[in-house]
């Protein structure tokens, strides 16, 4: 599923992390409303975990 589909239903102060390759390469992390996600919104991602607190919702770019 595209990242755009996930973030469109998330609260703006949700904490997210975006990785490549099975959580080995962190691309970005932070509160949803503070990140510039334009380059990643149309990327296919997998949801690795789903905690919107400080641990973050983890997405992996496929």
C-alpha atoms as a PDB file:
ATOM      1  CA  UNK A   1       0.000   0.000   0.000  1.00  0.00           C
ATOM      2  CA  UNK A   2       1.219   3.535  -0.665  1.00  0.00           C
ATOM      3  CA  UNK A   3       2.458   5.633   2.251  1.00  0.00           C
ATOM      4  CA  UNK A   4      -0.103   8.298   1.283  1.00  0.00           C
ATOM      5  CA  UNK A   5      -2.935   5.902   2.200  1.00  0.00           C
ATOM      6  CA  UNK A   6      -1.563   5.300   5.685  1.00  0.00           C
ATOM      7  CA  UNK A   7      -0.723   8.872   6.629  1.00  0.00           C
ATOM      8  CA  UNK A   8      -4.028  10.241   5.363  1.00  0.00           C
ATOM      9  CA  UNK A   9      -5.806   8.519   8.261  1.00  0.00           C
ATOM     10  CA  UNK A  10      -3.199   9.265  10.940  1.00  0.00           C
ATOM     11  CA  UNK A  11      -3.329  12.106  13.454  1.00  0.00           C
ATOM     12  CA  UNK A  12      -0.861  14.882  12.622  1.00  0.00           C
ATOM     13  CA  UNK A  13       1.093  14.470  15.862  1.00  0.00           C
ATOM     14  CA  UNK A  14       1.666  10.741  15.284  1.00  0.00           C
ATOM     15  CA  UNK A  15       5.330   9.775  15.447  1.00  0.00           C
ATOM     16  CA  UNK A  16       6.562   7.809  12.437  1.00  0.00           C
ATOM     17  CA  UNK A  17       9.759   6.187  11.218  1.00  0.00           C
ATOM     18  CA  UNK A  18      10.504   5.285   7.622  1.00  0.00           C
ATOM     19  CA  UNK A  19      13.137   2.678   6.801  1.00  0.00           C
ATOM     20  CA  UNK A  20      14.545   0.920   3.771  1.00  0.00           C
ATOM     21  CA  UNK A  21      15.507  -2.765   3.836  1.00  0.00           C
ATOM     22  CA  UNK A  22      13.979  -4.325   6.934  1.00  0.00           C
ATOM     23  CA  UNK A  23      14.627  -1.552   9.456  1.00  0.00           C
ATOM     24  CA  UNK A  24      18.357  -1.319   8.709  1.00  0.00           C
ATOM     25  CA  UNK A  25      18.446   2.048   6.951  1.00  0.00           C
ATOM     26  CA  UNK A  26      16.499   4.813   8.682  1.00  0.00           C
ATOM     27  CA  UNK A  27      15.384   7.442   6.169  1.00  0.00           C
ATOM     28  CA  UNK A  28      13.476   9.772   8.480  1.00  0.00           C
ATOM     29  CA  UNK A  29      11.608   9.945  11.734  1.00  0.00           C
ATOM     30  CA  UNK A  30       9.547  12.455  13.617  1.00  0.00           C
ATOM     31  CA  UNK A  31       6.052  13.782  14.096  1.00  0.00           C
ATOM     32  CA  UNK A  32       3.919  13.506  11.002  1.00  0.00           C
ATOM     33  CA  UNK A  33       3.170  17.234  10.825  1.00  0.00           C
ATOM     34  CA  UNK A  34       6.881  18.133  10.976  1.00  0.00           C
ATOM     35  CA  UNK A  35       8.142  15.841   8.203  1.00  0.00           C
ATOM     36  CA  UNK A  36       8.410  16.581   4.485  1.00  0.00           C
ATOM     37  CA  UNK A  37       7.021  13.345   3.076  1.00  0.00           C
ATOM     38  CA  UNK A  38       6.394  14.515  -0.502  1.00  0.00           C
ATOM     39  CA  UNK A  39       9.143  12.321  -1.967  1.00  0.00           C
ATOM     40  CA  UNK A  40       7.763   9.211  -0.247  1.00  0.00           C
ATOM     41  CA  UNK A  41       3.971   9.524  -0.417  1.00  0.00           C
ATOM     42  CA  UNK A  42       3.673   7.445  -3.593  1.00  0.00           C
ATOM     43  CA  UNK A  43       6.121   4.750  -2.468  1.00  0.00           C
ATOM     44  CA  UNK A  44       4.839   1.288  -1.671  1.00  0.00           C
ATOM     45  CA  UNK A  45       5.423   0.553   2.016  1.00  0.00           C
ATOM     46  CA  UNK A  46       4.845  -2.192   4.533  1.00  0.00           C
ATOM     47  CA  UNK A  47       3.600  -1.393   7.996  1.00  0.00           C
ATOM     48  CA  UNK A  48       6.056  -2.977  10.427  1.00  0.00           C
ATOM     49  CA  UNK A  49       4.539  -1.836  13.718  1.00  0.00           C
ATOM     50  CA  UNK A  50       1.743   0.410  14.748  1.00  0.00           C
ATOM     51  CA  UNK A  51       2.368   2.439  17.876  1.00  0.00           C
ATOM     52  CA  UNK A  52       1.800   6.175  17.401  1.00  0.00           C
ATOM     53  CA  UNK A  53       3.630   7.058  20.629  1.00  0.00           C
ATOM     54  CA  UNK A  54       7.349   7.901  20.861  1.00  0.00           C
ATOM     55  CA  UNK A  55       8.305   4.421  19.560  1.00  0.00           C
ATOM     56  CA  UNK A  56       6.608   5.401  16.352  1.00  0.00           C
ATOM     57  CA  UNK A  57       4.659   3.800  13.581  1.00  0.00           C
ATOM     58  CA  UNK A  58       7.294   2.026  11.507  1.00  0.00           C
ATOM     59  CA  UNK A  59       7.056   1.858   7.719  1.00  0.00           C
ATOM     60  CA  UNK A  60       9.441  -0.009   5.428  1.00  0.00           C
ATOM     61  CA  UNK A  61       9.794   1.070   1.807  1.00  0.00           C
ATOM     62  CA  UNK A  62       9.493  -1.972  -0.428  1.00  0.00           C
END
